[in-house]
Amino acid sequence: MLTSTVVDRKTLAWIKDGISETLESVLQSLDEFIENSDDVTPIKECLAPLHRVKGAVEMVEIEGATMLAKEMEQLALALTEEKVKHKDEAAEVLAAGILQLPGYLESLYHGNPDLPLVLLPMLNDFRASQDSELLTEGDFFSPDLTVKVPVQPVGKSTVAGNVVSVAKKLRPGYLSGLLGVFKNNDLEKSLEKLTLVLDNLLIASSSEKEEQLWWVALGVVESLKEQGLESSVAIKMLLGRVDREIKHIIKSGGEIHTDDSLDKITKSLLYYVGQSESYSDRVVEIKKAFSLGYDDDQDINDARENLYGFNANLVESMSKQLNEELTTIKCTLDIILHSKDGAVEGMDSVLKNFSSVADALDMLGMGRHKNLVNEQEEFLRLKMIEGESLSEEDLMGVATVILAIETSLGDLGRVMSRSDEEGGIPSAEYEKLLKVVAHEVLENIQKIKNEVSDLSDEPSNILLVSNVPKLLEQIAGTARTINDEQQSNLTDAITKYVNQEIILNKEEASKDSLDLLADAITGLENYYQSVVEESVAPELGLQIAENSMAKLGYPPESSVPVLREYAAVANM
């Protein structure tokens, strides 16, 4: 169903390093623009190198990279011509593209096919930044838009009347909710407003096309509410397009658009429903009706997760940015301690640095460190609100967290660098990195165990494990970051079982199957715990987990284990 090509490794080796170096210089200019978006001179300096990058990927016919490079050049040009409404947001999108393109090329170098659909979320963020027409999965393959909405809508009618009168009465509520989504202001309440309006429009509509649009839009809004989707520029733009349809219905007296614009909006919304990790009744129903979230989608999701895992340049760039942010924080705290006697007035600026650090750590998959940063940020924010001074002990607590992050970044950078140069990760370096990874993963495994245990007590309530797939995918992504195929394959098998046999089927799981699932998760936990404790045979946990999944009918894909002899390490 999906069109893809495998790119020659020799061709990629010839261009990818040069492209990475060129984009690194572009990123430096972009940083200058972000600091002062009123001066477009730094962006003008980006145009020539971006054009060279586009020419390079066009010449070797890498379709996905060419599409992304074109969008990057067009957005940079629009910024220089001041045709972009939200310059800061657009600059962040451009920075993300600059970081993602080398990752895409690196993933192709490691054997992944050139699959432009992998880049669709990023491409749409670029197009949305310029208020351009979004791409849809229909540009790569087409969902069946003859699907009808179920006879009984899920929502309740609060406003009586035909669709025109309902639209007139409730459109102000939709606009209010949309504004909240755009500004990330009281997001839960804003999304509730959108849900109320769309539910009423769905009930009041008589046209199948109208009903389909409201129904699919509700799937996106519900996914945002349940955090099954992350809000993006493209999603916000699509919700704005839905408002245009509401406005059109009011003006036309109930007539919908007859051209293909309505189908384009619906297709775009369906794409994001397909990416949703929400398992609510409505989202699952939409996915099943339009055959979303199966087969090819898994390949796409795996490829997206691998974009950053293979990208040593991304790790280097992000580490450099993080270290700069951490240095700013340390200098500010030093001033507070020695010059202000712990006074926290004017500390607002450093709190923004904490937020930037947390976002970057999240991008690198360092969730435990991100949580530590968030805790310190909240601690300092409360101190500032209450007007309390910081003690030396308070500052030492923050400094300890910063030191831990710097150490882990150094370990990660050295491992990625040596792996790239030597074609493999040295044993001692790998062990060190694996311990960092293990600490991250064990926190997620504990959450998973708790949810599976709750399901065992109440097997009919599948909502108890609604967060499990997302947590498992985070673990698999972390394993891929260190190129550990055995662990990622095992975690993928557990995820697939939970999705297909428990959540999507909505059937009560048997006690025996839940026991085997618990054994698999415990085996995975034992492996990572053994890594932390430097036990002699950590692979035993993986064997137990793999055997349990095989009994459940979901054996992990075969792989070459990336295991080390811990006994030798422990005895050194």
Protein backbone atom coordinates (compact mmCIF):
# COMPACT_ATOMS: atom_id res chain seq x y z
CA MET A 1 0.00 0.00 0.00
CA LEU A 2 2.90 2.35 0.77
CA THR A 3 5.45 3.37 -1.85
CA SER A 4 9.06 3.20 -0.70
CA THR A 5 12.55 2.77 -2.10
CA VAL A 6 15.83 1.64 -0.58
CA VAL A 7 18.63 4.17 -1.08
CA ASP A 8 22.18 3.08 -1.94
CA ARG A 9 24.46 3.29 1.13
CA LYS A 10 27.44 4.52 -0.86
CA THR A 11 25.38 7.41 -2.19
CA LEU A 12 24.22 8.30 1.33
CA ALA A 13 27.72 8.07 2.76
CA TRP A 14 28.81 10.57 0.12
CA ILE A 15 26.28 13.27 1.07
CA LYS A 16 24.99 12.78 4.62
CA ASP A 17 27.98 14.11 6.58
CA GLY A 18 28.22 17.22 4.41
CA ILE A 19 24.51 17.88 4.84
CA SER A 20 24.79 17.51 8.62
CA GLU A 21 27.65 20.04 8.75
CA THR A 22 25.76 22.49 6.53
CA LEU A 23 22.60 22.25 8.64
CA GLU A 24 24.59 22.74 11.83
CA SER A 25 25.74 26.13 10.53
CA VAL A 26 22.12 26.94 9.59
CA LEU A 27 21.02 26.07 13.11
CA GLN A 28 23.50 28.57 14.55
CA SER A 29 22.04 31.35 12.39
CA LEU A 30 18.53 30.28 13.33
CA ASP A 31 19.41 30.51 17.04
CA GLU A 32 20.37 34.15 16.46
CA PHE A 33 17.01 34.80 14.80
CA ILE A 34 15.11 33.14 17.66
CA GLU A 35 16.81 35.50 20.11
CA ASN A 36 15.66 38.52 18.05
CA SER A 37 12.94 37.66 15.54
CA ASP A 38 12.64 41.28 14.41
CA ASP A 39 15.99 40.99 12.60
CA VAL A 40 15.69 38.68 9.55
CA THR A 41 19.38 38.96 8.59
CA PRO A 42 20.34 35.60 10.19
CA ILE A 43 17.51 33.87 8.30
CA LYS A 44 18.73 35.36 5.00
CA GLU A 45 22.07 33.71 5.71
CA CYS A 46 20.24 30.36 5.91
CA LEU A 47 18.79 30.50 2.40
CA ALA A 48 21.91 29.59 0.39
CA PRO A 49 22.93 26.58 2.53
CA LEU A 50 19.33 25.30 2.64
CA HIS A 51 19.19 25.56 -1.15
CA ARG A 52 22.40 23.51 -1.39
CA VAL A 53 20.93 20.85 0.90
CA LYS A 54 17.80 20.66 -1.23
CA GLY A 55 19.91 20.31 -4.37
CA ALA A 56 21.96 17.49 -2.85
CA VAL A 57 18.99 15.32 -1.86
CA GLU A 58 17.22 16.07 -5.15
CA MET A 59 20.30 14.98 -7.10
CA VAL A 60 20.39 11.55 -5.43
CA GLU A 61 16.58 11.26 -5.66
CA ILE A 62 15.71 10.78 -1.98
CA GLU A 63 12.03 11.67 -2.12
CA GLY A 64 11.28 12.09 1.58
CA ALA A 65 14.37 14.19 2.22
CA THR A 66 13.63 16.29 -0.87
CA MET A 67 10.10 17.06 0.32
CA LEU A 68 11.40 18.11 3.75
CA ALA A 69 14.27 20.18 2.31
CA LYS A 70 11.86 22.05 0.03
CA GLU A 71 9.58 22.89 2.96
CA MET A 72 12.56 24.10 4.97
CA GLU A 73 13.74 26.41 2.20
CA GLN A 74 10.22 27.76 1.56
CA LEU A 75 9.60 28.50 5.25
CA ALA A 76 12.97 30.24 5.59
CA LEU A 77 12.15 32.38 2.54
CA ALA A 78 8.70 33.22 3.95
CA LEU A 79 10.35 34.34 7.21
CA THR A 80 12.75 36.64 5.37
CA GLU A 81 9.84 38.15 3.43
CA GLU A 82 7.89 38.47 6.70
CA LYS A 83 4.95 36.47 5.35
CA VAL A 84 4.66 34.33 8.49
CA LYS A 85 2.20 35.35 11.21
CA HIS A 86 3.73 33.44 14.14
CA LYS A 87 7.47 33.87 13.63
CA ASP A 88 8.64 32.30 16.88
CA GLU A 89 6.57 29.16 16.34
CA ALA A 90 7.71 28.92 12.71
CA ALA A 91 11.35 29.25 13.76
CA GLU A 92 10.92 26.35 16.17
CA VAL A 93 9.40 24.24 13.39
CA LEU A 94 12.35 25.09 11.14
CA ALA A 95 14.79 24.13 13.90
CA ALA A 96 13.01 20.79 14.35
CA GLY A 97 13.29 20.12 10.61
CA ILE A 98 17.00 20.94 10.63
CA LEU A 99 17.49 18.37 13.38
CA GLN A 100 15.23 15.76 11.80
CA LEU A 101 16.60 15.70 8.24
CA PRO A 102 20.02 14.26 9.25
CA GLY A 103 18.18 11.68 11.36
CA TYR A 104 16.11 10.66 8.35
CA LEU A 105 19.23 10.27 6.18
CA GLU A 106 20.96 8.31 8.94
CA SER A 107 18.00 5.94 9.21
CA LEU A 108 18.19 5.32 5.42
CA TYR A 109 21.91 4.64 5.79
CA HIS A 110 21.08 1.91 8.31
CA GLY A 111 18.74 0.19 5.85
CA ASN A 112 15.36 1.83 6.36
CA PRO A 113 13.46 2.58 3.11
CA ASP A 114 12.83 6.09 1.80
CA LEU A 115 9.24 6.48 3.02
CA PRO A 116 8.01 10.10 2.79
CA LEU A 117 4.93 9.29 4.89
CA VAL A 118 7.27 8.95 7.88
CA LEU A 119 7.85 12.71 7.67
CA LEU A 120 4.19 13.72 7.28
CA PRO A 121 3.74 15.28 10.77
CA MET A 122 6.85 17.41 10.25
CA LEU A 123 5.87 18.37 6.69
CA ASN A 124 2.44 19.47 7.88
CA ASP A 125 3.92 21.59 10.66
CA PHE A 126 5.95 23.41 7.99
CA ARG A 127 2.90 23.93 5.78
CA ALA A 128 0.70 25.00 8.69
CA SER A 129 3.30 27.60 9.69
CA GLN A 130 2.68 29.26 6.31
CA ASP A 131 -1.08 28.64 6.40
CA SER A 132 -0.69 26.38 3.34
CA GLU A 133 -2.88 23.41 2.44
CA LEU A 134 -1.92 20.41 4.55
CA LEU A 135 -0.80 17.11 3.11
CA THR A 136 -2.87 14.08 4.05
CA GLU A 137 -2.40 10.37 4.02
CA GLY A 138 -4.62 10.64 0.95
CA ASP A 139 -1.57 12.11 -0.80
CA PHE A 140 0.14 8.76 -0.20
CA PHE A 141 -2.89 6.47 0.03
CA SER A 142 -6.64 7.13 0.42
CA PRO A 143 -8.96 6.13 3.27
CA ASP A 144 -12.50 5.10 2.37
CA LEU A 145 -14.61 8.24 2.80
CA THR A 146 -17.88 6.39 2.13
CA VAL A 147 -17.87 5.25 5.77
CA LYS A 148 -21.02 6.36 7.59
CA VAL A 149 -21.34 7.60 11.17
CA PRO A 150 -23.02 5.14 13.57
CA VAL A 151 -26.78 5.67 13.91
CA GLN A 152 -26.55 6.56 17.62
CA PRO A 153 -24.07 9.40 18.33
CA VAL A 154 -22.15 9.14 21.62
CA GLY A 155 -22.75 12.74 22.77
CA LYS A 156 -25.87 14.39 24.16
CA SER A 157 -27.89 17.19 22.58
CA THR A 158 -28.00 20.38 24.66
CA VAL A 159 -29.29 22.75 21.96
CA ALA A 160 -32.40 21.88 19.95
CA GLY A 161 -32.94 22.83 16.32
CA ASN A 162 -31.54 22.19 12.86
CA VAL A 163 -27.84 22.37 12.08
CA VAL A 164 -27.94 26.06 11.11
CA SER A 165 -29.57 27.22 14.36
CA VAL A 166 -27.26 24.97 16.42
CA ALA A 167 -24.22 26.33 14.58
CA LYS A 168 -25.31 29.95 15.18
CA LYS A 169 -25.87 29.38 18.89
CA LEU A 170 -22.74 27.34 19.57
CA ARG A 171 -20.09 28.78 17.22
CA PRO A 172 -18.97 31.36 19.83
CA GLY A 173 -18.30 28.45 22.19
CA TYR A 174 -16.25 26.69 19.52
CA LEU A 175 -14.21 29.86 18.89
CA SER A 176 -13.61 30.26 22.62
CA GLY A 177 -12.40 26.67 22.91
CA LEU A 178 -10.26 27.03 19.77
CA LEU A 179 -8.57 30.11 21.19
CA GLY A 180 -7.76 28.19 24.38
CA VAL A 181 -6.22 25.37 22.32
CA PHE A 182 -4.13 27.80 20.29
CA LYS A 183 -2.82 29.49 23.44
CA ASN A 184 -2.62 26.27 25.52
CA ASN A 185 -4.80 28.07 28.02
CA ASP A 186 -6.87 25.85 30.37
CA LEU A 187 -6.61 23.12 27.74
CA GLU A 188 -9.00 20.63 29.33
CA LYS A 189 -11.81 23.18 29.58
CA SER A 190 -11.13 24.43 26.04
CA LEU A 191 -11.32 20.91 24.60
CA GLU A 192 -14.57 20.30 26.50
CA LYS A 193 -16.05 23.33 24.73
CA LEU A 194 -15.06 21.93 21.34
CA THR A 195 -16.53 18.54 22.26
CA LEU A 196 -19.85 20.08 23.29
CA VAL A 197 -20.21 22.00 20.02
CA LEU A 198 -19.19 19.10 17.78
CA ASP A 199 -21.48 16.66 19.60
CA ASN A 200 -24.45 18.97 19.07
CA LEU A 201 -23.58 19.55 15.41
CA LEU A 202 -23.30 15.81 14.86
CA ILE A 203 -26.75 15.22 16.35
CA ALA A 204 -28.35 18.13 14.44
CA SER A 205 -26.84 17.35 11.01
CA SER A 206 -28.68 15.47 8.30
CA SER A 207 -25.93 15.36 5.66
CA GLU A 208 -23.62 12.32 5.75
CA LYS A 209 -20.60 14.46 4.85
CA GLU A 210 -21.33 16.87 7.70
CA GLU A 211 -21.80 14.02 10.17
CA GLN A 212 -18.56 12.42 9.05
CA LEU A 213 -16.59 15.65 9.55
CA TRP A 214 -17.93 16.30 13.07
CA TRP A 215 -17.42 12.66 14.06
CA VAL A 216 -13.79 12.52 12.92
CA ALA A 217 -13.06 15.96 14.44
CA LEU A 218 -14.44 14.64 17.74
CA GLY A 219 -11.92 11.79 17.49
CA VAL A 220 -9.06 14.29 17.26
CA VAL A 221 -10.39 16.44 20.13
CA GLU A 222 -10.94 13.39 22.34
CA SER A 223 -7.41 12.19 21.57
CA LEU A 224 -6.04 15.56 22.68
CA LYS A 225 -8.09 15.39 25.89
CA GLU A 226 -6.73 11.95 26.73
CA GLN A 227 -3.20 12.94 25.70
CA GLY A 228 -3.23 10.26 23.02
CA LEU A 229 -2.10 13.00 20.63
CA GLU A 230 0.29 15.87 21.18
CA SER A 231 -0.99 19.22 20.00
CA SER A 232 0.87 20.57 16.97
CA VAL A 233 0.68 23.49 14.58
CA ALA A 234 -1.02 21.26 12.00
CA ILE A 235 -3.69 19.99 14.40
CA LYS A 236 -4.51 23.51 15.55
CA MET A 237 -4.82 24.59 11.93
CA LEU A 238 -7.18 21.69 11.16
CA LEU A 239 -9.44 22.57 14.09
CA GLY A 240 -9.49 26.08 12.67
CA ARG A 241 -10.56 24.67 9.30
CA VAL A 242 -13.45 22.91 11.05
CA ASP A 243 -14.60 26.32 12.29
CA ARG A 244 -14.60 27.57 8.68
CA GLU A 245 -17.05 24.79 7.85
CA ILE A 246 -19.26 25.83 10.78
CA LYS A 247 -19.16 29.41 9.52
CA HIS A 248 -19.93 28.27 5.95
CA ILE A 249 -22.99 26.32 7.12
CA ILE A 250 -24.32 29.42 8.90
CA LYS A 251 -23.78 31.65 5.85
CA SER A 252 -25.12 29.18 3.31
CA GLY A 253 -28.20 28.25 5.31
CA GLY A 254 -27.11 24.67 5.86
CA GLU A 255 -25.32 23.85 2.62
CA ILE A 256 -21.93 22.17 2.92
CA HIS A 257 -18.99 22.61 0.54
CA THR A 258 -19.45 20.58 -2.61
CA ASP A 259 -15.82 20.65 -3.75
CA ASP A 260 -13.07 18.37 -2.44
CA SER A 261 -12.01 20.77 0.34
CA LEU A 262 -14.27 19.04 2.85
CA ASP A 263 -12.77 15.65 1.99
CA LYS A 264 -9.26 17.08 2.41
CA ILE A 265 -10.07 18.28 5.92
CA THR A 266 -11.62 14.95 6.84
CA LYS A 267 -8.62 13.05 5.44
CA SER A 268 -6.21 15.21 7.40
CA LEU A 269 -8.19 14.72 10.61
CA LEU A 270 -8.34 10.96 9.96
CA TYR A 271 -4.58 10.87 9.67
CA TYR A 272 -4.21 12.21 13.20
CA VAL A 273 -6.90 9.88 14.57
CA GLY A 274 -4.85 7.06 13.06
CA GLN A 275 -1.80 8.28 14.99
CA SER A 276 -3.73 8.62 18.25
CA GLU A 277 -2.73 6.49 21.22
CA SER A 278 -6.14 7.01 22.83
CA TYR A 279 -8.29 3.93 23.33
CA SER A 280 -11.62 5.56 24.11
CA ASP A 281 -14.74 4.02 22.55
CA ARG A 282 -15.09 6.81 20.00
CA VAL A 283 -11.46 6.77 18.82
CA VAL A 284 -11.39 2.96 18.58
CA GLU A 285 -14.68 3.02 16.66
CA ILE A 286 -13.34 5.56 14.14
CA LYS A 287 -10.11 3.59 13.68
CA LYS A 288 -12.04 0.40 13.00
CA ALA A 289 -14.52 2.08 10.65
CA PHE A 290 -11.77 3.60 8.48
CA SER A 291 -9.28 0.72 8.94
CA LEU A 292 -6.72 2.96 10.63
CA GLY A 293 -3.87 1.86 12.84
CA TYR A 294 -3.03 -1.49 11.27
CA ASP A 295 -0.09 -3.08 9.42
CA ASP A 296 1.59 -0.22 7.56
CA ASP A 297 0.97 2.17 10.44
CA GLN A 298 3.23 0.07 12.67
CA ASP A 299 6.02 0.31 10.09
CA ILE A 300 5.54 4.07 9.94
CA ASN A 301 5.57 4.44 13.73
CA ASP A 302 8.71 2.29 14.04
CA ALA A 303 10.44 4.37 11.38
CA ARG A 304 9.53 7.62 13.16
CA GLU A 305 10.89 6.31 16.45
CA ASN A 306 14.13 5.35 14.69
CA LEU A 307 14.63 8.81 13.20
CA TYR A 308 16.30 10.07 16.35
CA GLY A 309 17.74 6.77 17.55
CA PHE A 310 20.27 6.62 14.69
CA ASN A 311 21.15 10.30 14.74
CA ALA A 312 24.45 10.94 16.49
CA ASN A 313 24.46 14.51 15.15
CA LEU A 314 21.13 15.15 16.86
CA VAL A 315 22.54 13.94 20.17
CA GLU A 316 25.55 16.19 19.71
CA SER A 317 23.43 19.24 18.79
CA MET A 318 20.94 18.70 21.59
CA SER A 319 23.73 18.08 24.12
CA LYS A 320 25.40 21.32 23.11
CA GLN A 321 22.12 23.23 23.53
CA LEU A 322 21.45 21.54 26.87
CA ASN A 323 24.90 22.33 28.22
CA GLU A 324 24.44 25.99 27.29
CA GLU A 325 21.09 26.09 29.10
CA LEU A 326 22.59 24.32 32.13
CA THR A 327 25.49 26.80 32.24
CA THR A 328 23.01 29.70 32.26
CA ILE A 329 21.12 28.10 35.15
CA LYS A 330 24.33 27.50 37.14
CA CYS A 331 25.52 31.08 36.65
CA THR A 332 22.14 32.50 37.74
CA LEU A 333 22.00 30.31 40.84
CA ASP A 334 25.58 31.27 41.72
CA ILE A 335 24.60 34.93 41.56
CA ILE A 336 21.56 34.27 43.76
CA LEU A 337 23.73 32.53 46.35
CA HIS A 338 26.68 34.94 46.49
CA SER A 339 25.29 38.32 45.44
CA LYS A 340 21.67 38.20 46.58
CA ASP A 341 21.98 36.06 49.72
CA GLY A 342 19.47 33.60 48.29
CA ALA A 343 16.87 36.18 47.21
CA VAL A 344 14.75 34.91 44.31
CA GLU A 345 13.49 38.16 42.82
CA GLY A 346 13.85 38.25 39.05
CA MET A 347 14.30 34.51 38.72
CA ASP A 348 11.56 34.24 36.04
CA SER A 349 14.09 34.05 33.21
CA VAL A 350 15.94 31.05 34.61
CA LEU A 351 12.67 29.12 34.96
CA LYS A 352 12.34 29.34 31.15
CA ASN A 353 15.75 27.67 30.92
CA PHE A 354 14.44 24.81 33.05
CA SER A 355 11.51 24.34 30.63
CA SER A 356 13.89 24.27 27.64
CA VAL A 357 16.08 21.69 29.35
CA ALA A 358 13.06 19.49 30.14
CA ASP A 359 11.85 19.63 26.51
CA ALA A 360 15.28 18.69 25.16
CA LEU A 361 15.66 15.79 27.62
CA ASP A 362 12.24 14.51 26.58
CA MET A 363 13.34 14.61 22.92
CA LEU A 364 16.41 12.51 23.80
CA GLY A 365 14.27 9.97 25.66
CA MET A 366 15.74 10.87 29.08
CA GLY A 367 12.41 10.84 30.89
CA ARG A 368 13.79 10.32 34.41
CA HIS A 369 16.08 13.32 34.09
CA LYS A 370 13.23 15.35 32.63
CA ASN A 371 11.11 14.58 35.71
CA LEU A 372 13.96 15.68 38.00
CA VAL A 373 14.22 18.99 36.13
CA ASN A 374 10.45 19.53 36.34
CA GLU A 375 10.55 18.90 40.09
CA GLN A 376 13.34 21.46 40.57
CA GLU A 377 11.52 23.99 38.39
CA GLU A 378 8.33 23.59 40.43
CA PHE A 379 10.32 23.86 43.66
CA LEU A 380 11.97 27.13 42.58
CA ARG A 381 8.68 28.51 41.22
CA LEU A 382 6.98 27.99 44.59
CA LYS A 383 9.90 29.66 46.35
CA MET A 384 9.56 32.66 44.04
CA ILE A 385 5.76 32.89 44.48
CA GLU A 386 6.09 32.73 48.27
CA GLY A 387 9.01 35.18 48.26
CA GLU A 388 11.26 32.82 50.21
CA SER A 389 15.04 32.92 49.94
CA LEU A 390 17.03 29.92 48.78
CA SER A 391 19.34 28.26 51.27
CA GLU A 392 22.70 26.78 50.36
CA GLU A 393 21.12 23.35 50.79
CA ASP A 394 18.34 24.26 48.30
CA LEU A 395 20.88 25.34 45.72
CA MET A 396 22.97 22.22 46.26
CA GLY A 397 19.89 20.13 45.47
CA VAL A 398 19.46 21.90 42.14
CA ALA A 399 23.20 21.66 41.43
CA THR A 400 23.12 17.89 42.04
CA VAL A 401 20.42 17.44 39.41
CA ILE A 402 22.36 19.58 36.91
CA LEU A 403 25.52 17.55 37.52
CA ALA A 404 23.65 14.27 36.97
CA ILE A 405 22.31 15.55 33.64
CA GLU A 406 25.72 16.76 32.49
CA THR A 407 27.28 13.38 33.37
CA SER A 408 24.60 11.41 31.52
CA LEU A 409 24.87 13.68 28.47
CA GLY A 410 28.62 13.15 28.43
CA ASP A 411 28.20 9.37 28.59
CA LEU A 412 25.59 9.40 25.81
CA GLY A 413 27.68 11.65 23.58
CA ARG A 414 30.84 9.54 23.96
CA VAL A 415 28.99 6.32 23.24
CA MET A 416 27.23 7.71 20.14
CA SER A 417 30.48 9.20 18.85
CA ARG A 418 32.56 6.04 19.31
CA SER A 419 29.79 3.84 17.96
CA ASP A 420 29.63 5.96 14.80
CA GLU A 421 33.41 5.96 14.32
CA GLU A 422 34.12 2.31 15.10
CA GLY A 423 30.92 0.64 13.87
CA GLY A 424 30.14 -0.71 17.35
CA ILE A 425 29.84 0.36 20.97
CA PRO A 426 32.77 -0.60 23.25
CA SER A 427 31.70 -2.95 26.04
CA ALA A 428 32.57 -0.67 28.97
CA GLU A 429 30.86 2.33 27.37
CA TYR A 430 27.81 0.23 26.50
CA GLU A 431 27.48 -1.02 30.08
CA LYS A 432 27.58 2.54 31.38
CA LEU A 433 24.93 3.74 28.95
CA LEU A 434 22.76 0.68 29.56
CA LYS A 435 22.64 1.51 33.27
CA VAL A 436 21.37 4.99 32.48
CA VAL A 437 18.74 3.46 30.20
CA ALA A 438 17.77 0.84 32.80
CA HIS A 439 16.99 3.48 35.43
CA GLU A 440 14.74 5.26 32.91
CA VAL A 441 12.92 2.08 31.90
CA LEU A 442 12.30 0.68 35.39
CA GLU A 443 10.10 3.63 36.30
CA ASN A 444 7.84 2.92 33.31
CA ILE A 445 7.77 -0.81 34.00
CA GLN A 446 6.52 -0.17 37.54
CA LYS A 447 3.64 1.90 36.16
CA ILE A 448 2.84 -0.88 33.67
CA LYS A 449 2.87 -3.53 36.40
CA ASN A 450 0.46 -1.50 38.50
CA GLU A 451 -2.02 -1.12 35.62
CA VAL A 452 -1.85 -4.82 34.67
CA SER A 453 -2.34 -5.74 38.33
CA ASP A 454 -5.43 -3.51 38.47
CA LEU A 455 -6.77 -5.23 35.33
CA SER A 456 -6.28 -8.64 36.97
CA ASP A 457 -8.54 -7.48 39.81
CA GLU A 458 -11.10 -6.07 37.37
CA PRO A 459 -10.66 -7.89 33.98
CA SER A 460 -13.69 -6.29 32.33
CA ASN A 461 -12.36 -2.72 32.72
CA ILE A 462 -9.87 -2.39 29.84
CA LEU A 463 -9.50 1.34 30.48
CA LEU A 464 -7.24 0.36 33.37
CA VAL A 465 -4.49 -0.47 30.86
CA SER A 466 -5.11 2.37 28.40
CA ASN A 467 -1.71 3.93 29.18
CA VAL A 468 0.23 0.66 28.89
CA PRO A 469 0.88 0.78 25.08
CA LYS A 470 2.30 4.30 25.29
CA LEU A 471 4.60 3.35 28.18
CA LEU A 472 5.76 0.24 26.32
CA GLU A 473 6.46 2.25 23.17
CA GLN A 474 8.65 4.59 25.22
CA ILE A 475 10.63 1.59 26.45
CA ALA A 476 11.00 0.21 22.91
CA GLY A 477 12.12 3.62 21.65
CA THR A 478 14.74 3.82 24.40
CA ALA A 479 16.03 0.36 23.45
CA ARG A 480 16.28 1.41 19.79
CA THR A 481 18.28 4.48 20.80
CA ILE A 482 21.08 2.16 21.95
CA ASN A 483 20.46 -0.21 19.01
CA ASP A 484 19.34 -3.10 21.26
CA GLU A 485 17.15 -5.04 18.87
CA GLN A 486 16.30 -7.90 21.24
CA GLN A 487 14.79 -5.66 23.89
CA SER A 488 12.88 -3.50 21.41
CA ASN A 489 11.45 -6.57 19.63
CA LEU A 490 10.31 -8.07 22.93
CA THR A 491 8.66 -4.83 24.01
CA ASP A 492 6.98 -4.50 20.60
CA ALA A 493 5.52 -8.01 21.03
CA ILE A 494 4.07 -7.11 24.44
CA THR A 495 2.63 -3.88 23.00
CA LYS A 496 1.03 -5.73 20.10
CA TYR A 497 -0.57 -8.26 22.45
CA VAL A 498 -2.02 -5.58 24.75
CA ASN A 499 -3.38 -3.61 21.80
CA GLN A 500 -4.90 -6.45 19.83
CA GLU A 501 -5.98 -8.96 22.47
CA ILE A 502 -7.06 -6.68 25.31
CA ILE A 503 -7.82 -3.14 24.14
CA LEU A 504 -9.08 -3.39 20.55
CA ASN A 505 -10.96 -6.66 21.04
CA LYS A 506 -12.57 -5.32 24.23
CA GLU A 507 -12.89 -8.88 25.52
CA GLU A 508 -12.29 -9.85 29.10
CA ALA A 509 -8.84 -11.39 29.34
CA SER A 510 -8.53 -14.78 31.03
CA LYS A 511 -6.64 -15.19 34.29
CA ASP A 512 -4.06 -17.45 32.60
CA SER A 513 -3.34 -14.92 29.83
CA LEU A 514 -2.99 -12.06 32.33
CA ASP A 515 -0.62 -14.20 34.40
CA LEU A 516 1.54 -14.82 31.32
CA LEU A 517 1.46 -11.11 30.48
CA ALA A 518 2.55 -10.30 34.03
CA ASP A 519 5.36 -12.86 33.74
CA ALA A 520 6.57 -11.22 30.53
CA ILE A 521 6.59 -7.76 32.08
CA THR A 522 8.29 -9.07 35.23
CA GLY A 523 10.91 -10.80 33.08
CA LEU A 524 11.62 -7.51 31.33
CA GLU A 525 11.83 -5.78 34.71
CA ASN A 526 14.24 -8.44 36.03
CA TYR A 527 16.50 -7.89 33.05
CA TYR A 528 16.81 -4.15 33.64
CA GLN A 529 17.10 -4.63 37.41
CA SER A 530 19.96 -7.07 36.77
CA VAL A 531 21.65 -4.45 34.63
CA VAL A 532 21.47 -1.91 37.45
CA GLU A 533 22.73 -4.40 40.03
CA GLU A 534 25.39 -5.88 37.67
CA SER A 535 24.02 -9.40 38.12
CA VAL A 536 25.79 -12.27 36.42
CA ALA A 537 22.99 -13.37 34.05
CA PRO A 538 20.59 -10.54 33.15
CA GLU A 539 19.55 -12.35 29.97
CA LEU A 540 17.52 -14.84 32.05
CA GLY A 541 14.82 -12.21 32.52
CA LEU A 542 14.56 -11.75 28.75
CA GLN A 543 14.27 -15.51 28.20
CA ILE A 544 11.37 -15.73 30.67
CA ALA A 545 9.64 -12.80 29.01
CA GLU A 546 10.12 -14.19 25.49
CA ASN A 547 8.81 -17.63 26.52
CA SER A 548 5.71 -16.06 28.09
CA MET A 549 4.98 -14.05 24.94
CA ALA A 550 5.44 -17.16 22.78
CA LYS A 551 2.82 -18.96 24.90
CA LEU A 552 0.46 -16.02 24.34
CA GLY A 553 0.95 -16.41 20.59
CA TYR A 554 3.03 -13.24 20.19
CA PRO A 555 6.67 -14.35 20.03
CA PRO A 556 9.13 -11.48 19.51
CA GLU A 557 10.76 -11.16 16.12
CA SER A 558 14.09 -12.94 15.96
CA SER A 559 17.12 -10.75 16.50
CA VAL A 560 20.79 -10.92 17.29
CA PRO A 561 21.02 -10.26 21.06
CA VAL A 562 23.10 -7.24 22.02
CA LEU A 563 24.08 -8.70 25.39
CA ARG A 564 27.39 -8.38 27.21
CA GLU A 565 29.16 -10.65 29.69
CA TYR A 566 28.32 -8.93 32.95
CA ALA A 567 30.21 -11.53 34.96
CA ALA A 568 33.47 -10.34 33.44
CA VAL A 569 32.58 -6.71 34.13
CA ALA A 570 31.56 -7.45 37.71
CA ASN A 571 34.85 -9.24 38.42
CA MET A 572 37.12 -6.56 36.95
